[in-house]
Amino acid sequence: MSPRGELRGRAARLARLLPSGSAGAGQAARTPFVLLVVLLLGGGLITLLMLNSALNEGSFRLNDLKKQTTDLTEDEQALQRDVDAYAAPDALQRRARELGMVPGGDPAFLNPDGTVRGVPGAAAAPSTLWRPAPPPPAVAGTTPSPSPTPSATPKATPNPTSSQVKPAPSTSGR
């Protein structure tokens, strides 16, 4: 009698599930290997999915940061244009006149040994300063004619020592 014939009940059902003989032993040893391979492939697939999701999230974040950088760069350039417009000589002169400032006279400089270089001059009084008349409103199709130069413009007298004076270096960083 075979060993299977003696088994009854639960043991018999388990014996039917397991193959018998030498061919069954090879089949039984192959099952854990196949299960291991399937688990490794499934784990690798899930890992690749998670890695791909993380990379996509990073690329979206990078895209948002690039857009933000572009916007901030445009804002910076607009602010720099505003600063340059306020620092232009004609804008500074206009603002100074609005504040009641007058151009200074001839400067004098002190040498390291304490001697005075140049002849200082007083600033001109605000009433003698020439102020250009505001331009008339432009009419379509006409070109504005240049305004005549007034004769009340103060004349600058040349300073004999001013040719020796070098202008101060610019601090604008350009």
N, C-alpha and C. Protein backbone atom coordinates (compact mmCIF):
# COMPACT_ATOMS: atom_id res chain seq x y z
N MET A 1 0.81 -1.17 0.00
CA MET A 1 0.00 0.00 0.00
C MET A 1 0.86 1.24 0.00
N SER A 2 0.43 2.23 -0.65
CA SER A 2 1.22 3.45 -0.73
C SER A 2 1.02 4.26 0.53
N PRO A 3 1.95 5.14 0.80
CA PRO A 3 1.83 5.94 2.01
C PRO A 3 0.63 6.87 1.92
N ARG A 4 0.17 7.16 0.73
CA ARG A 4 -0.95 8.07 0.58
C ARG A 4 -2.25 7.36 0.94
N GLY A 5 -2.31 6.17 0.69
CA GLY A 5 -3.52 5.43 0.97
C GLY A 5 -3.79 5.34 2.47
N GLU A 6 -2.80 5.36 3.30
CA GLU A 6 -2.96 5.24 4.74
C GLU A 6 -3.42 6.56 5.36
N LEU A 7 -3.19 7.65 4.69
CA LEU A 7 -3.55 8.96 5.25
C LEU A 7 -5.03 9.22 5.06
N ARG A 8 -5.60 9.86 6.05
CA ARG A 8 -7.00 10.17 5.97
C ARG A 8 -7.24 11.57 6.49
N GLY A 9 -8.32 12.14 6.02
CA GLY A 9 -8.73 13.44 6.53
C GLY A 9 -7.84 14.58 6.03
N ARG A 10 -7.43 15.33 6.99
CA ARG A 10 -6.63 16.53 6.68
C ARG A 10 -5.30 16.18 6.07
N ALA A 11 -4.66 15.23 6.55
CA ALA A 11 -3.35 14.82 6.05
C ALA A 11 -3.47 14.35 4.61
N ALA A 12 -4.55 13.70 4.27
CA ALA A 12 -4.74 13.22 2.90
C ALA A 12 -4.91 14.39 1.95
N ARG A 13 -5.63 15.39 2.38
CA ARG A 13 -5.81 16.57 1.52
C ARG A 13 -4.50 17.30 1.29
N LEU A 14 -3.70 17.42 2.34
CA LEU A 14 -2.38 18.05 2.19
C LEU A 14 -1.49 17.23 1.29
N ALA A 15 -1.56 15.93 1.39
CA ALA A 15 -0.72 15.06 0.56
C ALA A 15 -1.11 15.18 -0.90
N ARG A 16 -2.37 15.43 -1.19
CA ARG A 16 -2.79 15.59 -2.58
C ARG A 16 -2.26 16.90 -3.17
N LEU A 17 -2.12 17.90 -2.33
CA LEU A 17 -1.62 19.18 -2.82
C LEU A 17 -0.14 19.10 -3.18
N LEU A 18 0.61 18.33 -2.43
CA LEU A 18 2.04 18.20 -2.69
C LEU A 18 2.26 17.08 -3.70
N PRO A 19 3.09 17.35 -4.71
CA PRO A 19 3.35 16.29 -5.68
C PRO A 19 4.21 15.20 -5.03
N SER A 20 4.02 14.02 -5.49
CA SER A 20 4.79 12.90 -4.92
C SER A 20 5.87 12.47 -5.90
N GLY A 21 6.89 11.87 -5.40
CA GLY A 21 7.95 11.34 -6.24
C GLY A 21 9.04 12.37 -6.47
N SER A 22 10.02 11.99 -7.32
CA SER A 22 11.18 12.83 -7.59
C SER A 22 10.80 14.08 -8.41
N ALA A 23 9.84 13.99 -9.31
CA ALA A 23 9.40 15.15 -10.10
C ALA A 23 8.73 16.17 -9.19
N GLY A 24 8.03 15.75 -8.20
CA GLY A 24 7.36 16.65 -7.27
C GLY A 24 8.35 17.41 -6.41
N ALA A 25 9.45 16.81 -6.06
CA ALA A 25 10.45 17.48 -5.23
C ALA A 25 11.08 18.64 -5.99
N GLY A 26 11.29 18.50 -7.29
CA GLY A 26 11.85 19.58 -8.10
C GLY A 26 10.86 20.71 -8.26
N GLN A 27 9.59 20.32 -8.39
CA GLN A 27 8.53 21.32 -8.50
C GLN A 27 8.39 22.09 -7.19
N ALA A 28 8.46 21.41 -6.08
CA ALA A 28 8.31 22.06 -4.78
C ALA A 28 9.48 23.01 -4.51
N ALA A 29 10.68 22.71 -4.92
CA ALA A 29 11.85 23.55 -4.70
C ALA A 29 11.81 24.77 -5.62
N ARG A 30 11.14 24.64 -6.77
CA ARG A 30 11.07 25.73 -7.71
C ARG A 30 10.06 26.81 -7.26
N THR A 31 9.09 26.47 -6.52
CA THR A 31 8.04 27.40 -6.11
C THR A 31 8.58 28.58 -5.29
N PRO A 32 9.42 28.39 -4.27
CA PRO A 32 9.95 29.55 -3.54
C PRO A 32 10.80 30.46 -4.43
N PHE A 33 11.53 29.88 -5.38
CA PHE A 33 12.35 30.69 -6.28
C PHE A 33 11.47 31.58 -7.16
N VAL A 34 10.40 31.02 -7.72
CA VAL A 34 9.49 31.77 -8.56
C VAL A 34 8.82 32.87 -7.73
N LEU A 35 8.41 32.52 -6.52
CA LEU A 35 7.80 33.49 -5.63
C LEU A 35 8.78 34.64 -5.31
N LEU A 36 10.04 34.30 -5.06
CA LEU A 36 11.07 35.31 -4.79
C LEU A 36 11.26 36.22 -5.99
N VAL A 37 11.32 35.67 -7.19
CA VAL A 37 11.51 36.47 -8.40
C VAL A 37 10.32 37.40 -8.61
N VAL A 38 9.10 36.89 -8.41
CA VAL A 38 7.91 37.72 -8.59
C VAL A 38 7.91 38.86 -7.56
N LEU A 39 8.25 38.56 -6.33
CA LEU A 39 8.31 39.60 -5.30
C LEU A 39 9.38 40.65 -5.62
N LEU A 40 10.54 40.22 -6.08
CA LEU A 40 11.60 41.17 -6.44
C LEU A 40 11.18 42.05 -7.61
N LEU A 41 10.55 41.47 -8.60
CA LEU A 41 10.09 42.26 -9.74
C LEU A 41 9.00 43.24 -9.31
N GLY A 42 8.08 42.79 -8.50
CA GLY A 42 7.02 43.68 -8.01
C GLY A 42 7.59 44.80 -7.16
N GLY A 43 8.55 44.48 -6.28
CA GLY A 43 9.18 45.51 -5.44
C GLY A 43 9.96 46.51 -6.28
N GLY A 44 10.65 46.01 -7.31
CA GLY A 44 11.38 46.90 -8.20
C GLY A 44 10.46 47.83 -8.96
N LEU A 45 9.32 47.29 -9.41
CA LEU A 45 8.35 48.10 -10.12
C LEU A 45 7.78 49.20 -9.23
N ILE A 46 7.45 48.85 -8.00
CA ILE A 46 6.92 49.84 -7.06
C ILE A 46 7.98 50.89 -6.74
N THR A 47 9.23 50.46 -6.58
CA THR A 47 10.32 51.40 -6.32
C THR A 47 10.50 52.36 -7.50
N LEU A 48 10.45 51.85 -8.72
CA LEU A 48 10.57 52.70 -9.90
C LEU A 48 9.41 53.70 -9.99
N LEU A 49 8.22 53.26 -9.64
CA LEU A 49 7.07 54.16 -9.64
C LEU A 49 7.27 55.30 -8.64
N MET A 50 7.72 54.95 -7.44
CA MET A 50 7.95 55.97 -6.41
C MET A 50 9.06 56.93 -6.83
N LEU A 51 10.13 56.40 -7.41
CA LEU A 51 11.25 57.24 -7.88
C LEU A 51 10.79 58.17 -9.00
N ASN A 52 9.99 57.66 -9.93
CA ASN A 52 9.48 58.48 -11.01
C ASN A 52 8.58 59.59 -10.48
N SER A 53 7.75 59.27 -9.50
CA SER A 53 6.87 60.29 -8.91
C SER A 53 7.69 61.38 -8.22
N ALA A 54 8.74 60.98 -7.51
CA ALA A 54 9.59 61.96 -6.82
C ALA A 54 10.30 62.86 -7.83
N LEU A 55 10.77 62.30 -8.93
CA LEU A 55 11.44 63.10 -9.96
C LEU A 55 10.47 64.06 -10.62
N ASN A 56 9.25 63.62 -10.88
CA ASN A 56 8.26 64.51 -11.47
C ASN A 56 7.91 65.65 -10.53
N GLU A 57 7.79 65.35 -9.25
CA GLU A 57 7.51 66.40 -8.28
C GLU A 57 8.65 67.41 -8.24
N GLY A 58 9.88 66.92 -8.30
CA GLY A 58 11.04 67.81 -8.32
C GLY A 58 11.08 68.67 -9.57
N SER A 59 10.68 68.11 -10.71
CA SER A 59 10.70 68.91 -11.95
C SER A 59 9.63 69.99 -11.91
N PHE A 60 8.46 69.70 -11.31
CA PHE A 60 7.44 70.73 -11.16
C PHE A 60 7.94 71.84 -10.24
N ARG A 61 8.60 71.48 -9.17
CA ARG A 61 9.14 72.48 -8.23
C ARG A 61 10.20 73.32 -8.94
N LEU A 62 11.05 72.68 -9.72
CA LEU A 62 12.09 73.40 -10.45
C LEU A 62 11.48 74.37 -11.45
N ASN A 63 10.42 73.95 -12.12
CA ASN A 63 9.73 74.83 -13.07
C ASN A 63 9.14 76.04 -12.36
N ASP A 64 8.52 75.82 -11.20
CA ASP A 64 7.96 76.94 -10.43
C ASP A 64 9.06 77.89 -9.98
N LEU A 65 10.21 77.36 -9.55
CA LEU A 65 11.31 78.21 -9.10
C LEU A 65 11.90 79.01 -10.26
N LYS A 66 11.97 78.42 -11.45
CA LYS A 66 12.47 79.15 -12.62
C LYS A 66 11.54 80.30 -12.97
N LYS A 67 10.23 80.05 -12.91
CA LYS A 67 9.26 81.10 -13.19
C LYS A 67 9.36 82.22 -12.16
N GLN A 68 9.52 81.85 -10.90
CA GLN A 68 9.65 82.85 -9.84
C GLN A 68 10.93 83.66 -10.04
N THR A 69 12.02 83.00 -10.43
CA THR A 69 13.28 83.70 -10.68
C THR A 69 13.13 84.69 -11.83
N THR A 70 12.44 84.28 -12.89
CA THR A 70 12.22 85.17 -14.03
C THR A 70 11.41 86.40 -13.60
N ASP A 71 10.35 86.17 -12.82
CA ASP A 71 9.53 87.29 -12.35
C ASP A 71 10.34 88.24 -11.48
N LEU A 72 11.14 87.69 -10.58
CA LEU A 72 11.94 88.54 -9.70
C LEU A 72 13.02 89.30 -10.47
N THR A 73 13.58 88.68 -11.50
CA THR A 73 14.58 89.35 -12.33
C THR A 73 13.95 90.52 -13.08
N GLU A 74 12.72 90.31 -13.59
CA GLU A 74 12.03 91.41 -14.28
C GLU A 74 11.73 92.55 -13.31
N ASP A 75 11.31 92.21 -12.08
CA ASP A 75 11.06 93.24 -11.07
C ASP A 75 12.33 94.01 -10.74
N GLU A 76 13.44 93.27 -10.61
CA GLU A 76 14.72 93.92 -10.30
C GLU A 76 15.13 94.88 -11.42
N GLN A 77 14.95 94.46 -12.66
CA GLN A 77 15.32 95.33 -13.78
C GLN A 77 14.44 96.57 -13.84
N ALA A 78 13.14 96.41 -13.52
CA ALA A 78 12.25 97.58 -13.51
C ALA A 78 12.67 98.55 -12.40
N LEU A 79 13.01 98.02 -11.24
CA LEU A 79 13.46 98.88 -10.15
C LEU A 79 14.79 99.56 -10.49
N GLN A 80 15.68 98.84 -11.17
CA GLN A 80 16.96 99.43 -11.55
C GLN A 80 16.74 100.56 -12.56
N ARG A 81 15.78 100.38 -13.48
CA ARG A 81 15.46 101.47 -14.42
C ARG A 81 14.94 102.69 -13.68
N ASP A 82 14.10 102.46 -12.65
CA ASP A 82 13.60 103.58 -11.85
C ASP A 82 14.74 104.31 -11.14
N VAL A 83 15.66 103.53 -10.56
CA VAL A 83 16.81 104.14 -9.86
C VAL A 83 17.65 104.93 -10.85
N ASP A 84 17.90 104.36 -12.02
CA ASP A 84 18.70 105.07 -13.03
C ASP A 84 18.00 106.35 -13.48
N ALA A 85 16.66 106.32 -13.60
CA ALA A 85 15.93 107.52 -14.00
C ALA A 85 16.04 108.60 -12.93
N TYR A 86 15.97 108.21 -11.66
CA TYR A 86 16.08 109.19 -10.58
C TYR A 86 17.52 109.70 -10.42
N ALA A 87 18.50 108.90 -10.83
CA ALA A 87 19.89 109.30 -10.68
C ALA A 87 20.43 110.05 -11.90
N ALA A 88 19.64 110.21 -12.93
CA ALA A 88 20.08 110.93 -14.13
C ALA A 88 20.32 112.40 -13.77
N PRO A 89 21.32 113.03 -14.37
CA PRO A 89 21.64 114.41 -14.02
C PRO A 89 20.48 115.38 -14.19
N ASP A 90 19.70 115.25 -15.25
CA ASP A 90 18.60 116.19 -15.44
C ASP A 90 17.51 115.99 -14.39
N ALA A 91 17.29 114.74 -13.96
CA ALA A 91 16.30 114.49 -12.91
C ALA A 91 16.79 115.03 -11.58
N LEU A 92 18.07 114.87 -11.31
CA LEU A 92 18.63 115.40 -10.06
C LEU A 92 18.55 116.93 -10.04
N GLN A 93 18.86 117.55 -11.17
CA GLN A 93 18.80 119.01 -11.23
C GLN A 93 17.37 119.50 -11.04
N ARG A 94 16.42 118.84 -11.67
CA ARG A 94 15.02 119.22 -11.53
C ARG A 94 14.56 119.09 -10.08
N ARG A 95 14.88 117.98 -9.43
CA ARG A 95 14.49 117.77 -8.04
C ARG A 95 15.17 118.79 -7.12
N ALA A 96 16.44 119.10 -7.40
CA ALA A 96 17.13 120.08 -6.57
C ALA A 96 16.47 121.44 -6.68
N ARG A 97 16.08 121.83 -7.88
CA ARG A 97 15.40 123.12 -8.05
C ARG A 97 14.04 123.12 -7.38
N GLU A 98 13.34 121.98 -7.42
CA GLU A 98 12.05 121.88 -6.73
C GLU A 98 12.22 122.07 -5.23
N LEU A 99 13.35 121.63 -4.71
CA LEU A 99 13.62 121.75 -3.29
C LEU A 99 14.24 123.10 -2.92
N GLY A 100 14.46 123.96 -3.90
CA GLY A 100 15.00 125.29 -3.66
C GLY A 100 16.52 125.34 -3.59
N MET A 101 17.18 124.33 -4.06
CA MET A 101 18.65 124.32 -4.05
C MET A 101 19.18 125.09 -5.25
N VAL A 102 20.39 125.63 -5.10
CA VAL A 102 21.02 126.37 -6.18
C VAL A 102 22.37 125.74 -6.48
N PRO A 103 22.86 125.90 -7.70
CA PRO A 103 24.19 125.36 -8.02
C PRO A 103 25.26 126.05 -7.19
N GLY A 104 26.25 125.30 -6.77
CA GLY A 104 27.34 125.86 -5.97
C GLY A 104 28.26 126.71 -6.81
N GLY A 105 29.05 127.51 -6.11
CA GLY A 105 30.04 128.35 -6.80
C GLY A 105 31.27 127.53 -7.12
N ASP A 106 32.35 128.24 -7.42
CA ASP A 106 33.60 127.56 -7.73
C ASP A 106 34.14 126.89 -6.47
N PRO A 107 34.56 125.64 -6.56
CA PRO A 107 35.06 124.96 -5.37
C PRO A 107 36.51 125.32 -5.06
N ALA A 108 36.87 125.14 -3.83
CA ALA A 108 38.25 125.29 -3.41
C ALA A 108 38.64 123.98 -2.74
N PHE A 109 39.91 123.62 -2.85
CA PHE A 109 40.39 122.36 -2.30
C PHE A 109 41.54 122.63 -1.35
N LEU A 110 41.63 121.79 -0.33
CA LEU A 110 42.73 121.89 0.62
C LEU A 110 43.75 120.82 0.29
N ASN A 111 45.00 121.24 0.18
CA ASN A 111 46.09 120.30 -0.03
C ASN A 111 46.44 119.65 1.30
N PRO A 112 47.16 118.53 1.29
CA PRO A 112 47.54 117.88 2.55
C PRO A 112 48.38 118.78 3.47
N ASP A 113 49.11 119.73 2.88
CA ASP A 113 49.93 120.62 3.72
C ASP A 113 49.12 121.80 4.27
N GLY A 114 47.82 121.90 3.94
CA GLY A 114 46.96 122.94 4.49
C GLY A 114 46.79 124.14 3.59
N THR A 115 47.42 124.18 2.45
CA THR A 115 47.26 125.32 1.55
C THR A 115 45.97 125.16 0.76
N VAL A 116 45.40 126.28 0.35
CA VAL A 116 44.15 126.28 -0.39
C VAL A 116 44.46 126.27 -1.87
N ARG A 117 43.78 125.43 -2.58
CA ARG A 117 43.98 125.32 -4.03
C ARG A 117 42.69 125.78 -4.70
N GLY A 118 42.73 126.80 -5.51
CA GLY A 118 41.57 127.34 -6.17
C GLY A 118 41.02 128.54 -5.42
N VAL A 119 40.11 129.23 -6.05
CA VAL A 119 39.49 130.40 -5.44
C VAL A 119 38.01 130.07 -5.23
N PRO A 120 37.55 130.03 -3.98
CA PRO A 120 36.14 129.69 -3.75
C PRO A 120 35.22 130.81 -4.21
N GLY A 121 34.08 130.43 -4.67
CA GLY A 121 33.09 131.41 -5.12
C GLY A 121 31.75 131.13 -4.46
N ALA A 122 30.98 132.16 -4.24
CA ALA A 122 29.67 132.00 -3.61
C ALA A 122 28.67 131.46 -4.61
N ALA A 123 27.66 130.79 -4.10
CA ALA A 123 26.59 130.27 -4.95
C ALA A 123 25.73 131.43 -5.43
N ALA A 124 25.19 131.29 -6.61
CA ALA A 124 24.35 132.35 -7.17
C ALA A 124 23.03 132.38 -6.43
N ALA A 125 22.47 133.57 -6.30
CA ALA A 125 21.18 133.74 -5.63
C ALA A 125 20.09 133.10 -6.49
N PRO A 126 19.04 132.55 -5.89
CA PRO A 126 18.00 131.89 -6.67
C PRO A 126 17.29 132.81 -7.65
N SER A 127 17.22 134.10 -7.37
CA SER A 127 16.49 134.99 -8.28
C SER A 127 17.25 135.23 -9.57
N THR A 128 18.59 135.08 -9.58
CA THR A 128 19.36 135.32 -10.80
C THR A 128 19.52 134.05 -11.62
N LEU A 129 19.03 132.95 -11.13
CA LEU A 129 19.18 131.70 -11.89
C LEU A 129 18.21 131.70 -13.06
N TRP A 130 18.64 131.15 -14.12
CA TRP A 130 17.81 131.04 -15.30
C TRP A 130 16.98 129.77 -15.19
N ARG A 131 15.70 129.89 -15.34
CA ARG A 131 14.81 128.74 -15.34
C ARG A 131 14.18 128.66 -16.71
N PRO A 132 14.30 127.52 -17.34
CA PRO A 132 13.69 127.40 -18.66
C PRO A 132 12.17 127.42 -18.55
N ALA A 133 11.56 128.06 -19.51
CA ALA A 133 10.10 128.12 -19.55
C ALA A 133 9.57 126.75 -19.91
N PRO A 134 8.44 126.37 -19.36
CA PRO A 134 7.89 125.06 -19.72
C PRO A 134 7.53 125.04 -21.19
N PRO A 135 7.74 123.91 -21.84
CA PRO A 135 7.45 123.84 -23.28
C PRO A 135 5.95 123.97 -23.52
N PRO A 136 5.58 124.66 -24.60
CA PRO A 136 4.15 124.78 -24.92
C PRO A 136 3.60 123.42 -25.31
N PRO A 137 2.31 123.22 -25.12
CA PRO A 137 1.74 121.92 -25.50
C PRO A 137 1.89 121.71 -27.00
N ALA A 138 2.29 120.51 -27.35
CA ALA A 138 2.53 120.20 -28.76
C ALA A 138 1.21 120.02 -29.49
N VAL A 139 1.12 120.61 -30.66
CA VAL A 139 -0.06 120.47 -31.51
C VAL A 139 0.29 119.41 -32.55
N ALA A 140 -0.64 118.55 -32.85
CA ALA A 140 -0.39 117.47 -33.80
C ALA A 140 0.02 118.03 -35.15
N GLY A 141 1.08 117.49 -35.70
CA GLY A 141 1.53 117.89 -37.03
C GLY A 141 2.56 119.02 -37.01
N THR A 142 2.86 119.60 -35.86
CA THR A 142 3.87 120.67 -35.81
C THR A 142 5.03 120.19 -34.97
N THR A 143 6.17 120.75 -35.25
CA THR A 143 7.36 120.44 -34.47
C THR A 143 7.68 121.63 -33.59
N PRO A 144 8.03 121.38 -32.35
CA PRO A 144 8.33 122.52 -31.47
C PRO A 144 9.61 123.21 -31.91
N SER A 145 9.59 124.53 -31.90
CA SER A 145 10.78 125.29 -32.27
C SER A 145 11.64 125.49 -31.03
N PRO A 146 12.95 125.54 -31.20
CA PRO A 146 13.81 125.72 -30.03
C PRO A 146 13.59 127.12 -29.44
N SER A 147 13.55 127.16 -28.10
CA SER A 147 13.34 128.45 -27.44
C SER A 147 14.64 129.26 -27.48
N PRO A 148 14.55 130.56 -27.60
CA PRO A 148 15.76 131.38 -27.63
C PRO A 148 16.44 131.35 -26.26
N THR A 149 17.76 131.49 -26.30
CA THR A 149 18.54 131.49 -25.07
C THR A 149 18.41 132.86 -24.41
N PRO A 150 18.01 132.90 -23.14
CA PRO A 150 17.88 134.20 -22.47
C PRO A 150 19.24 134.82 -22.21
N SER A 151 19.24 136.15 -22.15
CA SER A 151 20.50 136.85 -21.94
C SER A 151 20.86 136.93 -20.47
N ALA A 152 19.95 136.52 -19.57
CA ALA A 152 20.23 136.60 -18.14
C ALA A 152 20.97 135.37 -17.62
N THR A 153 21.45 134.54 -18.51
CA THR A 153 22.18 133.35 -18.08
C THR A 153 23.51 133.78 -17.50
N PRO A 154 23.82 133.35 -16.25
CA PRO A 154 25.10 133.74 -15.66
C PRO A 154 26.25 133.11 -16.44
N LYS A 155 27.27 133.87 -16.66
CA LYS A 155 28.45 133.39 -17.37
C LYS A 155 29.45 132.87 -16.35
N ALA A 156 30.02 131.72 -16.64
CA ALA A 156 31.03 131.14 -15.75
C ALA A 156 32.38 131.75 -16.08
N THR A 157 33.08 132.20 -15.05
CA THR A 157 34.41 132.74 -15.27
C THR A 157 35.41 131.62 -15.10
N PRO A 158 36.33 131.50 -16.03
CA PRO A 158 37.30 130.40 -15.93
C PRO A 158 38.23 130.63 -14.74
N ASN A 159 38.48 129.57 -14.03
CA ASN A 159 39.39 129.60 -12.88
C ASN A 159 40.76 129.12 -13.36
N PRO A 160 41.81 129.92 -13.18
CA PRO A 160 43.11 129.51 -13.71
C PRO A 160 43.62 128.23 -13.05
N THR A 161 43.26 127.95 -11.83
CA THR A 161 43.78 126.75 -11.18
C THR A 161 42.85 125.57 -11.34
N SER A 162 41.66 125.77 -11.93
CA SER A 162 40.71 124.67 -12.06
C SER A 162 41.17 123.63 -13.08
N SER A 163 42.09 123.99 -13.98
CA SER A 163 42.57 123.01 -14.95
C SER A 163 43.48 121.99 -14.29
N GLN A 164 44.02 122.33 -13.09
CA GLN A 164 44.89 121.40 -12.38
C GLN A 164 44.06 120.41 -11.56
N VAL A 165 42.82 120.72 -11.29
CA VAL A 165 41.99 119.88 -10.43
C VAL A 165 41.42 118.73 -11.25
N LYS A 166 41.56 117.52 -10.73
CA LYS A 166 41.01 116.36 -11.41
C LYS A 166 39.62 116.08 -10.83
N PRO A 167 38.69 115.64 -11.67
CA PRO A 167 37.34 115.34 -11.14
C PRO A 167 37.39 114.13 -10.21
N ALA A 168 36.47 114.12 -9.25
CA ALA A 168 36.40 113.02 -8.31
C ALA A 168 35.95 111.76 -9.03
N PRO A 169 36.42 110.60 -8.59
CA PRO A 169 36.00 109.35 -9.26
C PRO A 169 34.52 109.08 -8.99
N SER A 170 33.90 108.43 -9.94
CA SER A 170 32.48 108.10 -9.83
C SER A 170 32.29 106.92 -8.91
N THR A 171 31.21 106.94 -8.12
CA THR A 171 30.94 105.82 -7.22
C THR A 171 29.73 105.02 -7.68
N SER A 172 29.35 105.18 -8.93
CA SER A 172 28.15 104.48 -9.40
C SER A 172 28.41 103.00 -9.66
N GLY A 173 29.64 102.55 -9.63
CA GLY A 173 29.95 101.13 -9.82
C GLY A 173 30.00 100.71 -11.27
N ARG A 174 30.01 101.64 -12.18
CA ARG A 174 30.06 101.27 -13.61
C ARG A 174 31.28 101.84 -14.25
